[in-house]
Each structure stands twice: as C-alpha cells, then as structure tokens.
Amino acid sequence: MVSDGSSVAVRYILRGIHTGTFMGISGSGNEVERHAVAIFTVIEGKVTEGHIVSDSGGLLEQLTN
C-alpha cells in the first residue's frame, strides 16, 4: 500500500479453489490467483472514489487449464 496526498494504491492477490461455476465456467478444482491493483481517493477520511484493475485474462486461463 502506498499513498500520496489523497490517493491510495493497494496491490493484492486473491487466492482460492475453483469449485463452482464462475464466469460461466464449471468448477475445475484448480487453485487460482487473481492479481489486482485498487486506487482510491480519500477525502477527510472517507473513500470518495475507487478504481480496480485486475488480471481477468490470467484468471480465465487458470480456470480453463
């Protein structure tokens, strides 16, 4: 996590096992990771705006392999 003025950026990884239908793909039992970055604007201690960018292509590849 880094911040600069009113902007805060967080890089994170979600991990799990694909057990049920997700994105129209039946559960595969594969272990998967989804890498993402979230950027927030914080004004007076409150998040006023947020954007998330994640590796959906990488996740899709893990679900189908």
PDB file of N, CA and C in Angstrom:
ATOM      1  N   MET A   1       0.849  -1.156   0.000  1.00  0.00           N
ATOM      2  CA  MET A   1       0.000   0.000   0.000  1.00  0.00           C
ATOM      3  C   MET A   1       0.904   1.231   0.000  1.00  0.00           C
ATOM      4  N   VAL A   2       0.564   2.169  -0.857  1.00  0.00           N
ATOM      5  CA  VAL A   2       1.270   3.450  -0.893  1.00  0.00           C
ATOM      6  C   VAL A   2       0.237   4.567  -0.977  1.00  0.00           C
ATOM      7  N   SER A   3       0.636   5.737  -0.489  1.00  0.00           N
ATOM      8  CA  SER A   3      -0.270   6.877  -0.584  1.00  0.00           C
ATOM      9  C   SER A   3       0.517   8.117  -0.969  1.00  0.00           C
ATOM     10  N   ASP A   4      -0.194   9.041  -1.588  1.00  0.00           N
ATOM     11  CA  ASP A   4       0.386  10.319  -1.983  1.00  0.00           C
ATOM     12  C   ASP A   4      -0.746  11.336  -1.962  1.00  0.00           C
ATOM     13  N   GLY A   5      -0.753  12.174  -0.963  1.00  0.00           N
ATOM     14  CA  GLY A   5      -1.847  13.130  -0.845  1.00  0.00           C
ATOM     15  C   GLY A   5      -3.154  12.407  -0.592  1.00  0.00           C
ATOM     16  N   SER A   6      -4.123  12.604  -1.462  1.00  0.00           N
ATOM     17  CA  SER A   6      -5.436  11.985  -1.280  1.00  0.00           C
ATOM     18  C   SER A   6      -5.572  10.654  -2.014  1.00  0.00           C
ATOM     19  N   SER A   7      -4.512  10.184  -2.673  1.00  0.00           N
ATOM     20  CA  SER A   7      -4.566   8.919  -3.419  1.00  0.00           C
ATOM     21  C   SER A   7      -3.896   7.793  -2.640  1.00  0.00           C
ATOM     22  N   VAL A   8      -4.552   6.634  -2.651  1.00  0.00           N
ATOM     23  CA  VAL A   8      -4.018   5.435  -2.004  1.00  0.00           C
ATOM     24  C   VAL A   8      -4.079   4.304  -3.022  1.00  0.00           C
ATOM     25  N   ALA A   9      -2.974   3.570  -3.166  1.00  0.00           N
ATOM     26  CA  ALA A   9      -2.932   2.432  -4.088  1.00  0.00           C
ATOM     27  C   ALA A   9      -2.608   1.169  -3.296  1.00  0.00           C
ATOM     28  N   VAL A  10      -3.318   0.091  -3.623  1.00  0.00           N
ATOM     29  CA  VAL A  10      -3.137  -1.189  -2.943  1.00  0.00           C
ATOM     30  C   VAL A  10      -2.992  -2.274  -4.003  1.00  0.00           C
ATOM     31  N   ARG A  11      -1.946  -3.084  -3.893  1.00  0.00           N
ATOM     32  CA  ARG A  11      -1.782  -4.249  -4.767  1.00  0.00           C
ATOM     33  C   ARG A  11      -2.105  -5.470  -3.920  1.00  0.00           C
ATOM     34  N   TYR A  12      -2.930  -6.377  -4.469  1.00  0.00           N
ATOM     35  CA  TYR A  12      -3.304  -7.547  -3.688  1.00  0.00           C
ATOM     36  C   TYR A  12      -3.522  -8.750  -4.593  1.00  0.00           C
ATOM     37  N   ILE A  13      -3.549  -9.925  -3.967  1.00  0.00           N
ATOM     38  CA  ILE A  13      -3.767 -11.183  -4.680  1.00  0.00           C
ATOM     39  C   ILE A  13      -4.887 -11.931  -3.965  1.00  0.00           C
ATOM     40  N   LEU A  14      -5.888 -12.342  -4.728  1.00  0.00           N
ATOM     41  CA  LEU A  14      -6.955 -13.197  -4.203  1.00  0.00           C
ATOM     42  C   LEU A  14      -6.625 -14.625  -4.608  1.00  0.00           C
ATOM     43  N   ARG A  15      -6.727 -15.563  -3.670  1.00  0.00           N
ATOM     44  CA  ARG A  15      -6.428 -16.963  -3.962  1.00  0.00           C
ATOM     45  C   ARG A  15      -7.615 -17.824  -3.560  1.00  0.00           C
ATOM     46  N   GLY A  16      -7.829 -18.897  -4.317  1.00  0.00           N
ATOM     47  CA  GLY A  16      -8.906 -19.805  -3.978  1.00  0.00           C
ATOM     48  C   GLY A  16      -8.871 -21.047  -4.842  1.00  0.00           C
ATOM     49  N   ILE A  17      -9.892 -21.874  -4.667  1.00  0.00           N
ATOM     50  CA  ILE A  17     -10.043 -23.095  -5.452  1.00  0.00           C
ATOM     51  C   ILE A  17     -11.349 -22.983  -6.221  1.00  0.00           C
ATOM     52  N   HIS A  18     -11.284 -23.222  -7.514  1.00  0.00           N
ATOM     53  CA  HIS A  18     -12.435 -23.105  -8.413  1.00  0.00           C
ATOM     54  C   HIS A  18     -13.340 -24.323  -8.228  1.00  0.00           C
ATOM     55  N   THR A  19     -14.351 -24.181  -7.352  1.00  0.00           N
ATOM     56  CA  THR A  19     -15.226 -25.312  -7.038  1.00  0.00           C
ATOM     57  C   THR A  19     -16.610 -25.214  -7.656  1.00  0.00           C
ATOM     58  N   GLY A  20     -17.032 -24.027  -8.013  1.00  0.00           N
ATOM     59  CA  GLY A  20     -18.364 -23.846  -8.580  1.00  0.00           C
ATOM     60  C   GLY A  20     -18.288 -23.063  -9.872  1.00  0.00           C
ATOM     61  N   THR A  21     -19.425 -22.887 -10.520  1.00  0.00           N
ATOM     62  CA  THR A  21     -19.457 -22.144 -11.776  1.00  0.00           C
ATOM     63  C   THR A  21     -19.080 -20.688 -11.525  1.00  0.00           C
ATOM     64  N   PHE A  22     -18.123 -20.196 -12.318  1.00  0.00           N
ATOM     65  CA  PHE A  22     -17.662 -18.816 -12.213  1.00  0.00           C
ATOM     66  C   PHE A  22     -17.344 -18.331 -13.610  1.00  0.00           C
ATOM     67  N   MET A  23     -17.845 -17.172 -13.972  1.00  0.00           N
ATOM     68  CA  MET A  23     -17.663 -16.612 -15.315  1.00  0.00           C
ATOM     69  C   MET A  23     -18.157 -17.606 -16.379  1.00  0.00           C
ATOM     70  N   GLY A  24     -19.208 -18.360 -16.031  1.00  0.00           N
ATOM     71  CA  GLY A  24     -19.788 -19.325 -16.957  1.00  0.00           C
ATOM     72  C   GLY A  24     -18.995 -20.609 -17.115  1.00  0.00           C
ATOM     73  N   ILE A  25     -17.962 -20.809 -16.296  1.00  0.00           N
ATOM     74  CA  ILE A  25     -17.108 -21.991 -16.404  1.00  0.00           C
ATOM     75  C   ILE A  25     -17.350 -22.877 -15.187  1.00  0.00           C
ATOM     76  N   SER A  26     -17.702 -24.141 -15.429  1.00  0.00           N
ATOM     77  CA  SER A  26     -17.956 -25.084 -14.339  1.00  0.00           C
ATOM     78  C   SER A  26     -16.704 -25.296 -13.507  1.00  0.00           C
ATOM     79  N   GLY A  27     -16.903 -25.623 -12.231  1.00  0.00           N
ATOM     80  CA  GLY A  27     -15.797 -25.836 -11.305  1.00  0.00           C
ATOM     81  C   GLY A  27     -14.789 -26.846 -11.829  1.00  0.00           C
ATOM     82  N   SER A  28     -13.506 -26.503 -11.711  1.00  0.00           N
ATOM     83  CA  SER A  28     -12.433 -27.358 -12.226  1.00  0.00           C
ATOM     84  C   SER A  28     -11.592 -27.964 -11.113  1.00  0.00           C
ATOM     85  N   GLY A  29     -11.710 -27.435  -9.895  1.00  0.00           N
ATOM     86  CA  GLY A  29     -10.854 -27.874  -8.803  1.00  0.00           C
ATOM     87  C   GLY A  29      -9.477 -27.230  -8.834  1.00  0.00           C
ATOM     88  N   ASN A  30      -9.228 -26.379  -9.831  1.00  0.00           N
ATOM     89  CA  ASN A  30      -7.926 -25.711  -9.959  1.00  0.00           C
ATOM     90  C   ASN A  30      -7.728 -24.679  -8.856  1.00  0.00           C
ATOM     91  N   GLU A  31      -6.490 -24.590  -8.347  1.00  0.00           N
ATOM     92  CA  GLU A  31      -6.122 -23.478  -7.479  1.00  0.00           C
ATOM     93  C   GLU A  31      -5.886 -22.274  -8.383  1.00  0.00           C
ATOM     94  N   VAL A  32      -6.449 -21.129  -8.012  1.00  0.00           N
ATOM     95  CA  VAL A  32      -6.346 -19.936  -8.861  1.00  0.00           C
ATOM     96  C   VAL A  32      -5.914 -18.726  -8.041  1.00  0.00           C
ATOM     97  N   GLU A  33      -5.323 -17.750  -8.738  1.00  0.00           N
ATOM     98  CA  GLU A  33      -4.952 -16.466  -8.152  1.00  0.00           C
ATOM     99  C   GLU A  33      -5.446 -15.363  -9.076  1.00  0.00           C
ATOM    100  N   ARG A  34      -5.871 -14.272  -8.488  1.00  0.00           N
ATOM    101  CA  ARG A  34      -6.248 -13.095  -9.269  1.00  0.00           C
ATOM    102  C   ARG A  34      -5.481 -11.902  -8.715  1.00  0.00           C
ATOM    103  N   HIS A  35      -4.608 -11.355  -9.537  1.00  0.00           N
ATOM    104  CA  HIS A  35      -3.799 -10.206  -9.140  1.00  0.00           C
ATOM    105  C   HIS A  35      -4.567  -8.925  -9.476  1.00  0.00           C
ATOM    106  N   ALA A  36      -4.491  -7.945  -8.577  1.00  0.00           N
ATOM    107  CA  ALA A  36      -5.241  -6.708  -8.791  1.00  0.00           C
ATOM    108  C   ALA A  36      -4.554  -5.524  -8.119  1.00  0.00           C
ATOM    109  N   VAL A  37      -4.918  -4.342  -8.599  1.00  0.00           N
ATOM    110  CA  VAL A  37      -4.491  -3.080  -8.004  1.00  0.00           C
ATOM    111  C   VAL A  37      -5.741  -2.228  -7.825  1.00  0.00           C
ATOM    112  N   ALA A  38      -5.885  -1.653  -6.644  1.00  0.00           N
ATOM    113  CA  ALA A  38      -7.000  -0.748  -6.371  1.00  0.00           C
ATOM    114  C   ALA A  38      -6.426   0.631  -6.062  1.00  0.00           C
ATOM    115  N   ILE A  39      -7.032   1.647  -6.642  1.00  0.00           N
ATOM    116  CA  ILE A  39      -6.617   3.027  -6.392  1.00  0.00           C
ATOM    117  C   ILE A  39      -7.830   3.789  -5.860  1.00  0.00           C
ATOM    118  N   PHE A  40      -7.654   4.385  -4.704  1.00  0.00           N
ATOM    119  CA  PHE A  40      -8.741   5.096  -4.045  1.00  0.00           C
ATOM    120  C   PHE A  40      -8.383   6.564  -3.850  1.00  0.00           C
ATOM    121  N   THR A  41      -9.408   7.409  -3.870  1.00  0.00           N
ATOM    122  CA  THR A  41      -9.270   8.803  -3.459  1.00  0.00           C
ATOM    123  C   THR A  41      -9.911   8.914  -2.088  1.00  0.00           C
ATOM    124  N   VAL A  42      -9.167   9.460  -1.129  1.00  0.00           N
ATOM    125  CA  VAL A  42      -9.655   9.598   0.242  1.00  0.00           C
ATOM    126  C   VAL A  42      -9.695  11.085   0.594  1.00  0.00           C
ATOM    127  N   ILE A  43     -10.888  11.552   0.937  1.00  0.00           N
ATOM    128  CA  ILE A  43     -11.091  12.945   1.328  1.00  0.00           C
ATOM    129  C   ILE A  43     -11.681  12.959   2.735  1.00  0.00           C
ATOM    130  N   GLU A  44     -11.044  13.668   3.640  1.00  0.00           N
ATOM    131  CA  GLU A  44     -11.498  13.781   5.031  1.00  0.00           C
ATOM    132  C   GLU A  44     -11.783  12.411   5.649  1.00  0.00           C
ATOM    133  N   GLY A  45     -10.889  11.441   5.380  1.00  0.00           N
ATOM    134  CA  GLY A  45     -11.003  10.115   5.974  1.00  0.00           C
ATOM    135  C   GLY A  45     -12.017   9.194   5.333  1.00  0.00           C
ATOM    136  N   LYS A  46     -12.631   9.616   4.222  1.00  0.00           N
ATOM    137  CA  LYS A  46     -13.635   8.785   3.549  1.00  0.00           C
ATOM    138  C   LYS A  46     -13.220   8.523   2.109  1.00  0.00           C
ATOM    139  N   VAL A  47     -13.447   7.287   1.663  1.00  0.00           N
ATOM    140  CA  VAL A  47     -13.176   6.946   0.266  1.00  0.00           C
ATOM    141  C   VAL A  47     -14.255   7.591  -0.589  1.00  0.00           C
ATOM    142  N   THR A  48     -13.842   8.451  -1.517  1.00  0.00           N
ATOM    143  CA  THR A  48     -14.802   9.155  -2.366  1.00  0.00           C
ATOM    144  C   THR A  48     -14.815   8.610  -3.788  1.00  0.00           C
ATOM    145  N   GLU A  49     -13.796   7.845  -4.145  1.00  0.00           N
ATOM    146  CA  GLU A  49     -13.713   7.288  -5.490  1.00  0.00           C
ATOM    147  C   GLU A  49     -12.803   6.071  -5.435  1.00  0.00           C
ATOM    148  N   GLY A  50     -13.080   5.079  -6.276  1.00  0.00           N
ATOM    149  CA  GLY A  50     -12.231   3.893  -6.320  1.00  0.00           C
ATOM    150  C   GLY A  50     -12.226   3.253  -7.688  1.00  0.00           C
ATOM    151  N   HIS A  51     -11.078   2.729  -8.057  1.00  0.00           N
ATOM    152  CA  HIS A  51     -10.920   2.026  -9.334  1.00  0.00           C
ATOM    153  C   HIS A  51     -10.113   0.762  -9.077  1.00  0.00           C
ATOM    154  N   ILE A  52     -10.533  -0.349  -9.681  1.00  0.00           N
ATOM    155  CA  ILE A  52      -9.819  -1.613  -9.526  1.00  0.00           C
ATOM    156  C   ILE A  52      -9.464  -2.139 -10.904  1.00  0.00           C
ATOM    157  N   VAL A  53      -8.207  -2.539 -11.056  1.00  0.00           N
ATOM    158  CA  VAL A  53      -7.726  -3.158 -12.289  1.00  0.00           C
ATOM    159  C   VAL A  53      -7.231  -4.541 -11.905  1.00  0.00           C
ATOM    160  N   SER A  54      -7.762  -5.586 -12.566  1.00  0.00           N
ATOM    161  CA  SER A  54      -7.344  -6.947 -12.230  1.00  0.00           C
ATOM    162  C   SER A  54      -7.030  -7.738 -13.490  1.00  0.00           C
ATOM    163  N   ASP A  55      -6.292  -8.808 -13.295  1.00  0.00           N
ATOM    164  CA  ASP A  55      -5.855  -9.663 -14.394  1.00  0.00           C
ATOM    165  C   ASP A  55      -6.923 -10.715 -14.696  1.00  0.00           C
ATOM    166  N   SER A  56      -8.000 -10.301 -15.346  1.00  0.00           N
ATOM    167  CA  SER A  56      -9.089 -11.225 -15.672  1.00  0.00           C
ATOM    168  C   SER A  56      -8.650 -12.280 -16.674  1.00  0.00           C
ATOM    169  N   GLY A  57      -7.785 -11.901 -17.605  1.00  0.00           N
ATOM    170  CA  GLY A  57      -7.284 -12.866 -18.595  1.00  0.00           C
ATOM    171  C   GLY A  57      -6.479 -13.970 -17.938  1.00  0.00           C
ATOM    172  N   GLY A  58      -5.638 -13.591 -16.975  1.00  0.00           N
ATOM    173  CA  GLY A  58      -4.851 -14.583 -16.248  1.00  0.00           C
ATOM    174  C   GLY A  58      -5.733 -15.521 -15.447  1.00  0.00           C
ATOM    175  N   LEU A  59      -6.787 -14.980 -14.843  1.00  0.00           N
ATOM    176  CA  LEU A  59      -7.721 -15.817 -14.094  1.00  0.00           C
ATOM    177  C   LEU A  59      -8.446 -16.769 -15.032  1.00  0.00           C
ATOM    178  N   LEU A  60      -8.925 -16.281 -16.152  1.00  0.00           N
ATOM    179  CA  LEU A  60      -9.628 -17.122 -17.119  1.00  0.00           C
ATOM    180  C   LEU A  60      -8.741 -18.273 -17.580  1.00  0.00           C
ATOM    181  N   GLU A  61      -7.476 -17.995 -17.823  1.00  0.00           N
ATOM    182  CA  GLU A  61      -6.534 -19.042 -18.239  1.00  0.00           C
ATOM    183  C   GLU A  61      -6.405 -20.117 -17.159  1.00  0.00           C
ATOM    184  N   GLN A  62      -6.354 -19.703 -15.901  1.00  0.00           N
ATOM    185  CA  GLN A  62      -6.241 -20.667 -14.803  1.00  0.00           C
ATOM    186  C   GLN A  62      -7.499 -21.515 -14.656  1.00  0.00           C
ATOM    187  N   LEU A  63      -8.658 -20.933 -14.942  1.00  0.00           N
ATOM    188  CA  LEU A  63      -9.918 -21.665 -14.814  1.00  0.00           C
ATOM    189  C   LEU A  63     -10.062 -22.743 -15.879  1.00  0.00           C
ATOM    190  N   THR A  64      -9.456 -22.525 -17.021  1.00  0.00           N
ATOM    191  CA  THR A  64      -9.665 -23.434 -18.161  1.00  0.00           C
ATOM    192  C   THR A  64      -8.496 -24.374 -18.413  1.00  0.00           C
ATOM    193  N   ASN A  65      -7.428 -24.275 -17.640  1.00  0.00           N
ATOM    194  CA  ASN A  65      -6.275 -25.178 -17.833  1.00  0.00           C
ATOM    195  C   ASN A  65      -6.206 -26.214 -16.749  1.00  0.00           C
TER     196      ASN A  65
END
